[in-house]
Amino acid sequence: MTSLRLAAAAYPIDFLPDWAAYQAKLSGWVADAAAQGASLLVFPEYAALELVALLPPELHHDVVEMRPALQAFLPEFLALHSRLAQQYGVGIVAGSLPVAHGDGFVNRAYIFGPDGLHSHQDKLMMTRFEAEEWHISPGSGLRVFELGGVRYGIVICYDSEFPLMARQLAEAGAEVLLVPSFTGARRGYTRVRVGSMARALENQVYAVHAPLIANAAWTYAVEDAVGMAGVYTPADDGLPEDGVLAQGGWNEPGWLVADLDLSLTRHVRADGHVLNWRDRVAGAERVTPAEVVNLEGVRA
């Protein structure tokens, strides 16, 4: 496959009264993207925390105690996404949520194939809020997911700011990086956007950024979230000169649907103006410990 249509959600957090409302909202979003021809749908980091509204009010601001309480929704959450993926014949990266793992909790994004089977990618690098207040633990291991003959990697929010993670995914054949994010201020969004664009440039792949949108004073977990969906590319032959293939509006909820032509990224890897992917080996080999040079009092 050389072309595919993806949908990145700028997904808004709502205060929902019950599970039926959540199911109706999610079903409507999936139906909308499928109607636009998207084969893979990407929801943001922590989009599943809408479910906090269904917990007792005393847990809405208790980020520690809400974690175990959310586990009660997990079986229905998985079943709903599996059913929708099968019904519409699409792949879905579900909004992530804290999932019990070992002695703690990880930030886990489940991914579903069009036959309803699912796997997951855990976030590996925790922000300070996740580590210090929420006590979310890093997951372990990277995975590449194959759908329709195309390989995808998922780097969740902060993970996109660390080059070696995306590099490992690209080494395993990922041609598209999926970046679900939750950022509470524009500076956070900018960090993820810049990281995603850099990963696209370094690996000569596409990066698809799906941000959470929230103005939810009713829960401390995701009370503020900002951003705009985007699809980024290397800036080279046949691709946008600014590295932005598609972009939504600022804090504008909805799907950003874009057509990705993999023949273009494959071309620039083989014969672009620059060959970042080929030159990654030399770039690594030529890195040596930096010498400190004191220019004060130095005479030529």
C-alpha atoms as a PDB file:
ATOM      1  CA  MET A   1       0.000   0.000   0.000  1.00  0.00           C
ATOM      2  CA  THR A   2       1.327   3.440  -0.897  1.00  0.00           C
ATOM      3  CA  SER A   3      -1.594   5.703   0.037  1.00  0.00           C
ATOM      4  CA  LEU A   4      -3.865   5.788   3.041  1.00  0.00           C
ATOM      5  CA  ARG A   5      -6.334   8.132   4.697  1.00  0.00           C
ATOM      6  CA  LEU A   6      -5.939   8.798   8.409  1.00  0.00           C
ATOM      7  CA  ALA A   7      -8.039  10.803  10.852  1.00  0.00           C
ATOM      8  CA  ALA A   8      -6.555  12.611  13.865  1.00  0.00           C
ATOM      9  CA  ALA A   9      -9.010  13.741  16.527  1.00  0.00           C
ATOM     10  CA  ALA A  10      -8.915  17.065  18.300  1.00  0.00           C
ATOM     11  CA  TYR A  11     -11.205  15.506  20.853  1.00  0.00           C
ATOM     12  CA  PRO A  12     -13.156  17.557  23.416  1.00  0.00           C
ATOM     13  CA  ILE A  13     -13.743  16.374  26.984  1.00  0.00           C
ATOM     14  CA  ASP A  14     -17.432  16.555  27.965  1.00  0.00           C
ATOM     15  CA  PHE A  15     -19.207  15.919  31.257  1.00  0.00           C
ATOM     16  CA  LEU A  16     -21.271  12.871  30.351  1.00  0.00           C
ATOM     17  CA  PRO A  17     -24.131  11.618  32.550  1.00  0.00           C
ATOM     18  CA  ASP A  18     -23.775   7.882  31.971  1.00  0.00           C
ATOM     19  CA  TRP A  19     -22.157   5.104  29.948  1.00  0.00           C
ATOM     20  CA  ALA A  20     -24.845   5.318  27.264  1.00  0.00           C
ATOM     21  CA  ALA A  21     -23.869   8.947  26.594  1.00  0.00           C
ATOM     22  CA  TYR A  22     -20.204   8.004  26.299  1.00  0.00           C
ATOM     23  CA  GLN A  23     -21.036   5.149  23.953  1.00  0.00           C
ATOM     24  CA  ALA A  24     -23.199   7.409  21.803  1.00  0.00           C
ATOM     25  CA  LYS A  25     -20.518  10.092  21.600  1.00  0.00           C
ATOM     26  CA  LEU A  26     -17.728   7.690  20.694  1.00  0.00           C
ATOM     27  CA  SER A  27     -19.916   5.870  18.174  1.00  0.00           C
ATOM     28  CA  GLY A  28     -20.746   9.176  16.494  1.00  0.00           C
ATOM     29  CA  TRP A  29     -17.097  10.149  16.230  1.00  0.00           C
ATOM     30  CA  VAL A  30     -16.089   6.808  14.720  1.00  0.00           C
ATOM     31  CA  ALA A  31     -19.003   6.878  12.267  1.00  0.00           C
ATOM     32  CA  ASP A  32     -18.033  10.398  11.170  1.00  0.00           C
ATOM     33  CA  ALA A  33     -14.402   9.522  10.454  1.00  0.00           C
ATOM     34  CA  ALA A  34     -15.367   6.295   8.689  1.00  0.00           C
ATOM     35  CA  ALA A  35     -17.834   8.217   6.508  1.00  0.00           C
ATOM     36  CA  GLN A  36     -14.934  10.429   5.415  1.00  0.00           C
ATOM     37  CA  GLY A  37     -13.014   7.367   4.265  1.00  0.00           C
ATOM     38  CA  ALA A  38     -10.428   7.165   7.030  1.00  0.00           C
ATOM     39  CA  SER A  39      -8.900   3.729   7.559  1.00  0.00           C
ATOM     40  CA  LEU A  40      -7.157   4.540  10.858  1.00  0.00           C
ATOM     41  CA  LEU A  41      -8.565   6.820  13.575  1.00  0.00           C
ATOM     42  CA  VAL A  42      -6.333   8.338  16.266  1.00  0.00           C
ATOM     43  CA  PHE A  43      -7.817   9.609  19.522  1.00  0.00           C
ATOM     44  CA  PRO A  44      -5.729  11.689  21.959  1.00  0.00           C
ATOM     45  CA  GLU A  45      -3.874  10.842  25.108  1.00  0.00           C
ATOM     46  CA  TYR A  46      -6.201  10.585  28.128  1.00  0.00           C
ATOM     47  CA  ALA A  47      -9.324  11.081  26.005  1.00  0.00           C
ATOM     48  CA  ALA A  48     -10.848   8.179  27.954  1.00  0.00           C
ATOM     49  CA  LEU A  49     -10.789  10.301  31.108  1.00  0.00           C
ATOM     50  CA  GLU A  50     -14.241  11.551  30.166  1.00  0.00           C
ATOM     51  CA  LEU A  51     -15.209   8.453  32.121  1.00  0.00           C
ATOM     52  CA  VAL A  52     -14.185  10.220  35.340  1.00  0.00           C
ATOM     53  CA  ALA A  53     -17.573  11.962  35.095  1.00  0.00           C
ATOM     54  CA  LEU A  54     -19.200   8.585  35.747  1.00  0.00           C
ATOM     55  CA  LEU A  55     -17.323   8.110  39.030  1.00  0.00           C
ATOM     56  CA  PRO A  56     -18.603   9.389  42.391  1.00  0.00           C
ATOM     57  CA  PRO A  57     -18.129  13.186  42.665  1.00  0.00           C
ATOM     58  CA  GLU A  58     -15.583  12.854  45.470  1.00  0.00           C
ATOM     59  CA  LEU A  59     -13.220  11.159  42.995  1.00  0.00           C
ATOM     60  CA  HIS A  60     -13.415  13.802  40.257  1.00  0.00           C
ATOM     61  CA  HIS A  61     -10.446  15.695  41.687  1.00  0.00           C
ATOM     62  CA  ASP A  62      -8.693  12.790  43.413  1.00  0.00           C
ATOM     63  CA  VAL A  63      -6.146  11.778  40.801  1.00  0.00           C
ATOM     64  CA  VAL A  64      -4.776   8.939  42.903  1.00  0.00           C
ATOM     65  CA  GLU A  65      -8.022   7.238  43.888  1.00  0.00           C
ATOM     66  CA  MET A  66      -9.645   7.679  40.470  1.00  0.00           C
ATOM     67  CA  ARG A  67      -7.051   5.306  38.966  1.00  0.00           C
ATOM     68  CA  PRO A  68      -8.332   2.065  40.521  1.00  0.00           C
ATOM     69  CA  ALA A  69     -11.944   3.209  40.175  1.00  0.00           C
ATOM     70  CA  LEU A  70     -11.551   3.628  36.412  1.00  0.00           C
ATOM     71  CA  GLN A  71     -10.617  -0.038  36.005  1.00  0.00           C
ATOM     72  CA  ALA A  72     -14.289  -1.015  36.333  1.00  0.00           C
ATOM     73  CA  PHE A  73     -14.938   0.561  32.905  1.00  0.00           C
ATOM     74  CA  LEU A  74     -12.102  -1.234  31.114  1.00  0.00           C
ATOM     75  CA  PRO A  75     -13.946  -4.380  29.908  1.00  0.00           C
ATOM     76  CA  GLU A  76     -16.803  -2.338  28.390  1.00  0.00           C
ATOM     77  CA  PHE A  77     -14.319   0.211  27.025  1.00  0.00           C
ATOM     78  CA  LEU A  78     -12.402  -2.491  25.168  1.00  0.00           C
ATOM     79  CA  ALA A  79     -15.575  -4.196  23.955  1.00  0.00           C
ATOM     80  CA  LEU A  80     -17.002  -0.918  22.624  1.00  0.00           C
ATOM     81  CA  HIS A  81     -13.883  -0.032  20.632  1.00  0.00           C
ATOM     82  CA  SER A  82     -13.576  -3.563  19.307  1.00  0.00           C
ATOM     83  CA  ARG A  83     -17.188  -3.521  18.165  1.00  0.00           C
ATOM     84  CA  LEU A  84     -16.851  -0.137  16.465  1.00  0.00           C
ATOM     85  CA  ALA A  85     -13.639  -1.158  14.698  1.00  0.00           C
ATOM     86  CA  GLN A  86     -15.398  -4.221  13.299  1.00  0.00           C
ATOM     87  CA  GLN A  87     -18.615  -2.387  12.468  1.00  0.00           C
ATOM     88  CA  TYR A  88     -16.859   0.261  10.393  1.00  0.00           C
ATOM     89  CA  GLY A  89     -13.887  -1.778   9.203  1.00  0.00           C
ATOM     90  CA  VAL A  90     -11.316   0.665  10.585  1.00  0.00           C
ATOM     91  CA  GLY A  91      -8.316   0.719  12.866  1.00  0.00           C
ATOM     92  CA  ILE A  92      -8.705   2.757  16.055  1.00  0.00           C
ATOM     93  CA  VAL A  93      -6.122   4.131  18.474  1.00  0.00           C
ATOM     94  CA  ALA A  94      -8.301   4.624  21.534  1.00  0.00           C
ATOM     95  CA  GLY A  95      -7.880   7.501  23.941  1.00  0.00           C
ATOM     96  CA  SER A  96      -5.417   6.384  26.586  1.00  0.00           C
ATOM     97  CA  LEU A  97      -6.171   5.917  30.278  1.00  0.00           C
ATOM     98  CA  PRO A  98      -4.463   4.731  33.458  1.00  0.00           C
ATOM     99  CA  VAL A  99      -4.450   0.926  33.489  1.00  0.00           C
ATOM    100  CA  ALA A 100      -3.465  -1.272  36.425  1.00  0.00           C
ATOM    101  CA  HIS A 101      -0.152  -2.963  35.718  1.00  0.00           C
ATOM    102  CA  GLY A 102       2.054  -4.758  38.219  1.00  0.00           C
ATOM    103  CA  ASP A 103       2.034  -2.822  41.468  1.00  0.00           C
ATOM    104  CA  GLY A 104       0.953   0.449  39.876  1.00  0.00           C
ATOM    105  CA  PHE A 105      -0.643   2.077  36.847  1.00  0.00           C
ATOM    106  CA  VAL A 106       0.577   2.854  33.340  1.00  0.00           C
ATOM    107  CA  ASN A 107      -0.712   5.272  30.710  1.00  0.00           C
ATOM    108  CA  ARG A 108      -1.911   2.823  28.046  1.00  0.00           C
ATOM    109  CA  ALA A 109      -3.184   3.450  24.520  1.00  0.00           C
ATOM    110  CA  TYR A 110      -5.047   0.487  23.045  1.00  0.00           C
ATOM    111  CA  ILE A 111      -5.039  -0.011  19.286  1.00  0.00           C
ATOM    112  CA  PHE A 112      -7.725  -2.031  17.513  1.00  0.00           C
ATOM    113  CA  GLY A 113      -7.658  -3.627  14.100  1.00  0.00           C
ATOM    114  CA  PRO A 114     -10.680  -3.808  11.772  1.00  0.00           C
ATOM    115  CA  ASP A 115     -11.309  -7.386  12.894  1.00  0.00           C
ATOM    116  CA  GLY A 116     -11.667  -6.205  16.497  1.00  0.00           C
ATOM    117  CA  LEU A 117      -8.380  -7.630  17.789  1.00  0.00           C
ATOM    118  CA  HIS A 118      -6.387  -5.253  19.952  1.00  0.00           C
ATOM    119  CA  SER A 119      -2.947  -4.598  21.351  1.00  0.00           C
ATOM    120  CA  HIS A 120      -1.477  -1.616  23.183  1.00  0.00           C
ATOM    121  CA  GLN A 121       1.396   0.807  23.599  1.00  0.00           C
ATOM    122  CA  ASP A 122       2.295   2.166  27.035  1.00  0.00           C
ATOM    123  CA  LYS A 123       3.802   5.587  27.514  1.00  0.00           C
ATOM    124  CA  LEU A 124       7.465   5.305  28.460  1.00  0.00           C
ATOM    125  CA  MET A 125       8.393   8.808  29.606  1.00  0.00           C
ATOM    126  CA  MET A 126       6.298  10.423  32.337  1.00  0.00           C
ATOM    127  CA  THR A 127       5.713  14.134  32.684  1.00  0.00           C
ATOM    128  CA  ARG A 128       6.202  15.598  36.143  1.00  0.00           C
ATOM    129  CA  PHE A 129       2.433  15.666  36.760  1.00  0.00           C
ATOM    130  CA  GLU A 130       2.112  12.000  35.883  1.00  0.00           C
ATOM    131  CA  ALA A 131       5.086  10.932  37.987  1.00  0.00           C
ATOM    132  CA  GLU A 132       4.848  13.280  40.977  1.00  0.00           C
ATOM    133  CA  GLU A 133       1.101  13.777  41.480  1.00  0.00           C
ATOM    134  CA  TRP A 134      -0.666  10.985  39.616  1.00  0.00           C
ATOM    135  CA  HIS A 135       1.934   8.297  40.316  1.00  0.00           C
ATOM    136  CA  ILE A 136       1.698   6.846  36.832  1.00  0.00           C
ATOM    137  CA  SER A 137       4.590   4.491  36.081  1.00  0.00           C
ATOM    138  CA  PRO A 138       6.470   4.147  32.801  1.00  0.00           C
ATOM    139  CA  GLY A 139       5.561   1.169  30.676  1.00  0.00           C
ATOM    140  CA  SER A 140       8.160  -1.065  29.113  1.00  0.00           C
ATOM    141  CA  GLY A 141       8.858  -1.837  25.505  1.00  0.00           C
ATOM    142  CA  LEU A 142       8.005  -0.406  22.115  1.00  0.00           C
ATOM    143  CA  ARG A 143       5.717  -2.044  19.579  1.00  0.00           C
ATOM    144  CA  VAL A 144       5.125  -1.579  15.875  1.00  0.00           C
ATOM    145  CA  PHE A 145       1.632  -2.320  14.603  1.00  0.00           C
ATOM    146  CA  GLU A 146       0.892  -3.516  11.088  1.00  0.00           C
ATOM    147  CA  LEU A 147      -2.433  -2.718   9.410  1.00  0.00           C
ATOM    148  CA  GLY A 148      -3.126  -3.120   5.707  1.00  0.00           C
ATOM    149  CA  GLY A 149       0.543  -3.718   4.962  1.00  0.00           C
ATOM    150  CA  VAL A 150       1.657  -0.471   6.654  1.00  0.00           C
ATOM    151  CA  ARG A 151       3.581  -0.325   9.924  1.00  0.00           C
ATOM    152  CA  TYR A 152       2.766   2.277  12.579  1.00  0.00           C
ATOM    153  CA  GLY A 153       4.448   3.317  15.804  1.00  0.00           C
ATOM    154  CA  ILE A 154       2.828   5.160  18.696  1.00  0.00           C
ATOM    155  CA  VAL A 155       4.742   7.769  20.713  1.00  0.00           C
ATOM    156  CA  ILE A 156       2.458   9.175  23.390  1.00  0.00           C
ATOM    157  CA  CYS A 157       2.846  12.916  23.991  1.00  0.00           C
ATOM    158  CA  TYR A 158       6.125  13.403  25.951  1.00  0.00           C
ATOM    159  CA  ASP A 159       7.577  10.296  24.285  1.00  0.00           C
ATOM    160  CA  SER A 160       7.651  12.245  21.006  1.00  0.00           C
ATOM    161  CA  GLU A 161      10.340  14.499  22.493  1.00  0.00           C
ATOM    162  CA  PHE A 162      12.889  11.673  22.737  1.00  0.00           C
ATOM    163  CA  PRO A 163      14.535  10.815  19.401  1.00  0.00           C
ATOM    164  CA  LEU A 164      15.662   7.280  20.185  1.00  0.00           C
ATOM    165  CA  MET A 165      12.106   6.020  20.744  1.00  0.00           C
ATOM    166  CA  ALA A 166      10.910   7.064  17.303  1.00  0.00           C
ATOM    167  CA  ARG A 167      14.195   5.818  15.835  1.00  0.00           C
ATOM    168  CA  GLN A 168      13.608   2.336  17.237  1.00  0.00           C
ATOM    169  CA  LEU A 169      10.096   2.293  15.786  1.00  0.00           C
ATOM    170  CA  ALA A 170      11.391   3.394  12.388  1.00  0.00           C
ATOM    171  CA  GLU A 171      14.123   0.732  12.541  1.00  0.00           C
ATOM    172  CA  ALA A 172      11.321  -1.812  13.029  1.00  0.00           C
ATOM    173  CA  GLY A 173       9.624  -0.579   9.865  1.00  0.00           C
ATOM    174  CA  ALA A 174       7.232   2.119  11.087  1.00  0.00           C
ATOM    175  CA  GLU A 175       6.484   4.571   8.266  1.00  0.00           C
ATOM    176  CA  VAL A 176       3.905   6.569  10.245  1.00  0.00           C
ATOM    177  CA  LEU A 177       4.277   7.820  13.814  1.00  0.00           C
ATOM    178  CA  LEU A 178       1.042   8.354  15.732  1.00  0.00           C
ATOM    179  CA  VAL A 179       1.244  10.996  18.456  1.00  0.00           C
ATOM    180  CA  PRO A 180      -1.728  11.196  20.837  1.00  0.00           C
ATOM    181  CA  SER A 181      -1.244  14.113  23.242  1.00  0.00           C
ATOM    182  CA  PHE A 182      -2.637  15.923  26.266  1.00  0.00           C
ATOM    183  CA  THR A 183      -1.078  19.325  26.887  1.00  0.00           C
ATOM    184  CA  GLY A 184      -2.454  21.866  29.356  1.00  0.00           C
ATOM    185  CA  ALA A 185      -0.891  24.984  27.833  1.00  0.00           C
ATOM    186  CA  ARG A 186       0.353  26.192  24.456  1.00  0.00           C
ATOM    187  CA  ARG A 187       3.973  25.722  25.467  1.00  0.00           C
ATOM    188  CA  GLY A 188       3.296  22.040  26.114  1.00  0.00           C
ATOM    189  CA  TYR A 189       1.519  21.673  22.786  1.00  0.00           C
ATOM    190  CA  THR A 190       4.477  23.374  21.087  1.00  0.00           C
ATOM    191  CA  ARG A 191       6.928  20.928  22.624  1.00  0.00           C
ATOM    192  CA  VAL A 192       4.960  17.962  21.280  1.00  0.00           C
ATOM    193  CA  ARG A 193       4.441  19.593  17.882  1.00  0.00           C
ATOM    194  CA  VAL A 194       8.137  20.421  17.507  1.00  0.00           C
ATOM    195  CA  GLY A 195       9.110  16.957  18.722  1.00  0.00           C
ATOM    196  CA  SER A 196       6.747  15.331  16.239  1.00  0.00           C
ATOM    197  CA  MET A 197       8.045  17.430  13.352  1.00  0.00           C
ATOM    198  CA  ALA A 198      11.633  16.634  14.320  1.00  0.00           C
ATOM    199  CA  ARG A 199      10.900  12.902  14.451  1.00  0.00           C
ATOM    200  CA  ALA A 200       9.302  13.111  10.991  1.00  0.00           C
ATOM    201  CA  LEU A 201      12.387  14.899   9.662  1.00  0.00           C
ATOM    202  CA  GLU A 202      14.957  12.599  11.271  1.00  0.00           C
ATOM    203  CA  ASN A 203      13.300   9.384  10.172  1.00  0.00           C
ATOM    204  CA  GLN A 204      11.743  10.675   6.937  1.00  0.00           C
ATOM    205  CA  VAL A 205       8.292   9.447   7.942  1.00  0.00           C
ATOM    206  CA  TYR A 206       4.853  10.940   8.587  1.00  0.00           C
ATOM    207  CA  ALA A 207       3.839  12.017  12.103  1.00  0.00           C
ATOM    208  CA  VAL A 208       0.140  12.313  12.983  1.00  0.00           C
ATOM    209  CA  HIS A 209      -0.655  14.473  16.028  1.00  0.00           C
ATOM    210  CA  ALA A 210      -4.016  14.093  17.828  1.00  0.00           C
ATOM    211  CA  PRO A 211      -4.507  16.533  20.756  1.00  0.00           C
ATOM    212  CA  LEU A 212      -6.982  16.564  23.621  1.00  0.00           C
ATOM    213  CA  ILE A 213      -9.214  19.652  23.984  1.00  0.00           C
ATOM    214  CA  ALA A 214     -10.644  20.399  27.434  1.00  0.00           C
ATOM    215  CA  ASN A 215     -12.145  23.100  29.595  1.00  0.00           C
ATOM    216  CA  ALA A 216     -13.251  20.783  32.368  1.00  0.00           C
ATOM    217  CA  ALA A 217     -13.102  22.468  35.761  1.00  0.00           C
ATOM    218  CA  TRP A 218     -15.034  19.503  37.172  1.00  0.00           C
ATOM    219  CA  THR A 219     -11.940  17.253  37.138  1.00  0.00           C
ATOM    220  CA  TYR A 220      -8.356  18.042  38.098  1.00  0.00           C
ATOM    221  CA  ALA A 221      -7.147  15.202  35.877  1.00  0.00           C
ATOM    222  CA  VAL A 222      -7.766  16.994  32.554  1.00  0.00           C
ATOM    223  CA  GLU A 223      -9.233  20.351  33.487  1.00  0.00           C
ATOM    224  CA  ASP A 224      -7.359  22.230  30.731  1.00  0.00           C
ATOM    225  CA  ALA A 225      -6.133  20.868  27.419  1.00  0.00           C
ATOM    226  CA  VAL A 226      -5.205  22.757  24.259  1.00  0.00           C
ATOM    227  CA  GLY A 227      -3.905  22.140  20.773  1.00  0.00           C
ATOM    228  CA  MET A 228      -4.686  21.528  17.130  1.00  0.00           C
ATOM    229  CA  ALA A 229      -4.450  18.351  15.129  1.00  0.00           C
ATOM    230  CA  GLY A 230      -1.654  18.103  12.594  1.00  0.00           C
ATOM    231  CA  VAL A 231       0.062  15.824  10.106  1.00  0.00           C
ATOM    232  CA  TYR A 232       3.781  16.443   9.639  1.00  0.00           C
ATOM    233  CA  THR A 233       6.268  15.320   7.009  1.00  0.00           C
ATOM    234  CA  PRO A 234       9.921  15.702   6.113  1.00  0.00           C
ATOM    235  CA  ALA A 235      10.339  18.871   4.047  1.00  0.00           C
ATOM    236  CA  ASP A 236      11.615  17.501   0.763  1.00  0.00           C
ATOM    237  CA  ASP A 237      10.661  16.509  -2.791  1.00  0.00           C
ATOM    238  CA  GLY A 238       6.906  16.357  -3.326  1.00  0.00           C
ATOM    239  CA  LEU A 239       6.134  17.067   0.333  1.00  0.00           C
ATOM    240  CA  PRO A 240       5.172  20.402   1.952  1.00  0.00           C
ATOM    241  CA  GLU A 241       8.053  22.846   2.196  1.00  0.00           C
ATOM    242  CA  ASP A 242       7.089  23.717   5.772  1.00  0.00           C
ATOM    243  CA  GLY A 243       6.684  20.076   6.785  1.00  0.00           C
ATOM    244  CA  VAL A 244       2.964  20.486   7.515  1.00  0.00           C
ATOM    245  CA  LEU A 245       0.689  18.336   5.361  1.00  0.00           C
ATOM    246  CA  ALA A 246      -2.523  19.231   7.184  1.00  0.00           C
ATOM    247  CA  GLN A 247      -3.521  21.203  10.252  1.00  0.00           C
ATOM    248  CA  GLY A 248      -6.725  21.896  12.145  1.00  0.00           C
ATOM    249  CA  GLY A 249      -7.784  25.063  13.934  1.00  0.00           C
ATOM    250  CA  TRP A 250      -6.558  26.046  17.376  1.00  0.00           C
ATOM    251  CA  ASN A 251      -8.731  24.378  20.049  1.00  0.00           C
ATOM    252  CA  GLU A 252     -11.164  23.434  17.281  1.00  0.00           C
ATOM    253  CA  PRO A 253     -12.741  20.043  18.000  1.00  0.00           C
ATOM    254  CA  GLY A 254     -13.194  17.602  15.158  1.00  0.00           C
ATOM    255  CA  TRP A 255     -11.417  15.202  12.863  1.00  0.00           C
ATOM    256  CA  LEU A 256      -8.453  16.215  10.753  1.00  0.00           C
ATOM    257  CA  VAL A 257      -8.582  13.815   7.802  1.00  0.00           C
ATOM    258  CA  ALA A 258      -5.519  13.596   5.573  1.00  0.00           C
ATOM    259  CA  ASP A 259      -4.247  11.413   2.734  1.00  0.00           C
ATOM    260  CA  LEU A 260      -0.719  10.113   3.237  1.00  0.00           C
ATOM    261  CA  ASP A 261       1.275   9.108   0.165  1.00  0.00           C
ATOM    262  CA  LEU A 262       3.970   6.709   1.328  1.00  0.00           C
ATOM    263  CA  SER A 263       5.610   6.722  -2.090  1.00  0.00           C
ATOM    264  CA  LEU A 264       6.741  10.280  -1.320  1.00  0.00           C
ATOM    265  CA  THR A 265       8.430   9.481   1.985  1.00  0.00           C
ATOM    266  CA  ARG A 266       9.947   6.351   0.477  1.00  0.00           C
ATOM    267  CA  HIS A 267      11.297   8.472  -2.380  1.00  0.00           C
ATOM    268  CA  VAL A 268      12.931  11.061  -0.152  1.00  0.00           C
ATOM    269  CA  ARG A 269      14.544   8.288   1.880  1.00  0.00           C
ATOM    270  CA  ALA A 270      16.079   6.926  -1.322  1.00  0.00           C
ATOM    271  CA  ASP A 271      16.780  10.082  -3.319  1.00  0.00           C
ATOM    272  CA  GLY A 272      15.839  13.234  -1.424  1.00  0.00           C
ATOM    273  CA  HIS A 273      17.769  16.496  -1.266  1.00  0.00           C
ATOM    274  CA  VAL A 274      19.017  15.212   2.076  1.00  0.00           C
ATOM    275  CA  LEU A 275      19.175  11.611   3.272  1.00  0.00           C
ATOM    276  CA  ASN A 276      18.532  11.778   7.001  1.00  0.00           C
ATOM    277  CA  TRP A 277      17.489   8.136   7.199  1.00  0.00           C
ATOM    278  CA  ARG A 278      20.556   6.842   5.356  1.00  0.00           C
ATOM    279  CA  ASP A 279      22.878   9.185   7.231  1.00  0.00           C
ATOM    280  CA  ARG A 280      21.624   8.146  10.680  1.00  0.00           C
ATOM    281  CA  VAL A 281      24.444   5.598  10.851  1.00  0.00           C
ATOM    282  CA  ALA A 282      27.186   8.097  10.073  1.00  0.00           C
ATOM    283  CA  GLY A 283      25.498  10.600  12.370  1.00  0.00           C
ATOM    284  CA  ALA A 284      25.770   8.154  15.234  1.00  0.00           C
ATOM    285  CA  GLU A 285      29.315   7.031  14.432  1.00  0.00           C
ATOM    286  CA  ARG A 286      30.651  10.585  14.274  1.00  0.00           C
ATOM    287  CA  VAL A 287      29.359  11.533  17.703  1.00  0.00           C
ATOM    288  CA  THR A 288      32.245  11.578  20.171  1.00  0.00           C
ATOM    289  CA  PRO A 289      32.577  13.107  23.641  1.00  0.00           C
ATOM    290  CA  ALA A 290      32.689  16.873  23.253  1.00  0.00           C
ATOM    291  CA  GLU A 291      35.999  18.590  23.879  1.00  0.00           C
ATOM    292  CA  VAL A 292      35.841  21.686  26.064  1.00  0.00           C
ATOM    293  CA  VAL A 293      37.822  24.574  24.595  1.00  0.00           C
ATOM    294  CA  ASN A 294      38.581  27.624  26.746  1.00  0.00           C
ATOM    295  CA  LEU A 295      38.767  30.681  24.504  1.00  0.00           C
ATOM    296  CA  GLU A 296      39.819  33.057  27.267  1.00  0.00           C
ATOM    297  CA  GLY A 297      43.508  33.852  27.088  1.00  0.00           C
ATOM    298  CA  VAL A 298      44.034  31.564  24.101  1.00  0.00           C
ATOM    299  CA  ARG A 299      46.609  32.799  21.567  1.00  0.00           C
ATOM    300  CA  ALA A 300      46.626  31.563  17.970  1.00  0.00           C
END
